[in-house]
Protein backbone atom coordinates (compact mmCIF):
# COMPACT_ATOMS: atom_id res chain seq x y z
CA ASP A 1 76.32 63.52 150.70
CA ALA A 2 74.50 63.64 147.42
CA ILE A 3 77.66 63.44 145.26
CA CYS A 4 79.15 60.45 147.22
CA ALA A 5 77.96 57.01 146.11
CA SER A 6 77.69 55.88 149.86
CA SER A 7 75.64 59.09 150.57
CA ALA A 8 78.19 59.56 153.28
CA CYS A 9 80.40 62.86 153.12
CA VAL A 10 82.67 62.63 156.23
CA GLU A 11 84.99 65.47 157.04
CA GLY A 12 84.61 66.77 153.58
CA ALA A 13 85.51 63.44 151.70
CA CYS A 14 83.31 60.35 150.67
CA ALA A 15 83.45 57.65 152.95
CA GLU A 16 81.71 54.12 153.43
CA ALA A 17 79.46 55.32 156.28
CA LYS A 18 78.88 58.44 158.75
CA ARG A 19 80.75 58.33 161.87
CA SER A 20 79.12 56.63 164.95
CA ILE A 21 78.34 58.20 168.34
CA GLY A 22 81.53 58.91 170.31
CA GLU A 23 83.61 59.14 167.34
CA SER A 24 85.68 62.24 166.66
CA CYS A 25 84.28 65.05 164.22
CA THR A 26 84.58 68.45 163.03
CA PHE A 27 81.26 68.78 161.24
CA ASP A 28 77.72 67.81 162.07
CA ASN A 29 77.20 66.16 158.69
CA SER A 30 80.03 63.76 159.54
CA CYS A 31 78.05 62.00 162.26
CA SER A 32 75.28 59.32 161.68
CA THR A 33 73.33 61.44 164.25
CA ASN A 34 74.09 64.73 162.45
CA LYS A 35 75.31 66.14 165.73
CA CYS A 36 78.91 66.78 166.35
CA GLY A 37 79.79 68.58 169.79
CA TYR A 38 82.44 68.71 172.68
CA ASN A 39 81.98 65.76 174.90
CA SER A 40 82.64 67.86 178.03
CA TYR A 41 82.98 71.50 179.22
CA SER A 42 86.79 71.44 178.97
CA THR A 43 89.37 73.18 176.80
CA ASP A 44 91.11 69.68 176.51
CA ALA A 45 87.75 67.96 175.45
CA SER A 46 87.24 66.36 172.05
CA ALA A 47 84.57 67.06 169.41
CA VAL A 48 82.66 63.78 169.04
CA CYS A 49 79.47 62.56 167.38
CA CYS A 50 76.68 63.32 169.99
CA GLU A 51 74.14 60.62 170.79
CA ARG A 52 71.10 62.66 170.78
CA ASP A 53 71.41 66.54 170.62
CA TYR A 54 73.92 69.32 171.55
CA TYR A 55 73.61 72.58 173.32
CA SER A 56 75.29 75.75 171.83
CA MET A 57 76.92 78.49 174.09
CA PHE A 58 79.52 81.06 174.12
CA THR A 59 82.80 79.97 175.40
CA PHE A 60 85.51 82.78 176.25
CA SER A 61 89.11 83.02 175.64
CA THR A 62 89.57 84.32 179.16
CA ASP A 63 88.29 80.93 180.36
CA GLY A 64 91.14 79.14 178.37
CA TRP A 65 89.30 78.47 175.04
CA PRO A 66 91.39 79.30 171.99
CA THR A 67 88.93 82.06 170.95
CA THR A 68 85.58 83.62 172.16
CA ASP A 69 83.25 81.74 170.17
CA ILE A 70 79.92 79.84 170.24
CA ARG A 71 80.66 76.15 170.74
CA LYS A 72 78.40 73.09 170.88
CA PHE A 73 78.34 70.61 173.62
CA CYS A 74 76.68 67.28 173.65
CA GLN A 75 73.70 66.78 175.97
CA ASP A 76 72.75 63.97 178.18
CA ARG A 77 76.14 63.70 179.80
CA PRO A 78 76.73 61.38 182.72
CA ILE A 79 77.49 62.16 186.24
CA GLY A 80 80.96 63.68 186.55
CA THR A 81 81.17 65.13 183.17
CA LEU A 82 82.66 68.69 183.33
CA CYS A 83 79.98 71.04 182.59
CA GLY A 84 80.95 74.53 183.68
CA VAL A 85 77.93 76.18 185.04
CA THR A 86 75.52 74.73 182.38
CA ASP A 87 72.76 72.44 183.35
CA ALA A 88 71.64 71.69 179.84
CA ILE A 89 74.81 69.61 179.27
CA CYS A 90 73.95 67.02 182.09
CA ALA A 91 71.50 64.20 181.75
CA SER A 92 70.36 65.01 185.28
CA SER A 93 70.00 68.75 184.53
CA ALA A 94 72.32 69.40 187.49
CA CYS A 95 75.60 70.95 186.78
CA VAL A 96 77.24 71.20 190.49
CA GLU A 97 80.60 72.92 191.11
CA GLY A 98 81.64 72.50 187.42
CA ALA A 99 80.42 68.63 187.09
CA CYS A 100 77.28 66.87 186.36
CA ALA A 101 75.74 65.68 189.49
CA GLU A 102 72.80 63.67 190.57
CA ALA A 103 71.03 66.83 191.87
CA LYS A 104 71.59 70.44 193.10
CA ARG A 105 72.95 71.16 196.47
CA SER A 106 70.35 71.90 199.28
CA ILE A 107 70.09 74.91 201.48
CA GLY A 108 72.99 74.84 203.96
CA GLU A 109 75.44 72.66 201.75
CA SER A 110 78.86 74.32 200.66
CA CYS A 111 78.80 75.91 197.23
CA THR A 112 80.80 78.04 195.02
CA PHE A 113 78.47 78.99 192.17
CA ASP A 114 74.79 80.16 192.34
CA ASN A 115 74.14 77.48 189.68
CA SER A 116 75.11 74.61 192.17
CA CYS A 117 72.21 75.20 194.49
CA SER A 118 68.62 74.11 194.19
CA THR A 119 67.63 77.78 195.05
CA ASN A 120 70.02 79.17 192.64
CA LYS A 121 71.55 81.23 195.25
CA CYS A 122 75.03 80.62 196.90
CA GLY A 123 76.27 82.76 199.72
CA TYR A 124 77.93 82.87 203.07
CA ASN A 125 76.00 81.76 206.07
CA SER A 126 77.14 84.64 208.25
CA TYR A 127 78.94 87.79 207.91
CA SER A 128 82.60 86.66 208.62
CA THR A 129 85.79 86.39 206.55
CA ASP A 130 86.06 82.67 207.45
CA ALA A 131 82.36 81.64 207.07
CA SER A 132 81.58 78.90 204.46
């Protein structure tokens, strides 16, 4: 930034201004918020300038990511945004069955992941191979 007349170094080159919220980015420094992260927990997601902050976490090549690495994900994402099993991405702090939801599931509601439940425990309601 210091060597640019505009004080805006964007993607390694001087620019008129930093990128705005939601615009594509590769580096934190390219954004007006200084926060660049994936807009959802998806291998197809784009890296964009985050509105507020981001959450850093490991992603694994076995889950379809190009490499096993630490990646940054924009926080405060709206309901319906893919979140894996990470509450920190969601504005509601409720990642349910892989997407941001209004709230965690209650006791007795169906689930696949522990993280989807208000008790943080998901299990069969009886000992049977066809119980849900």
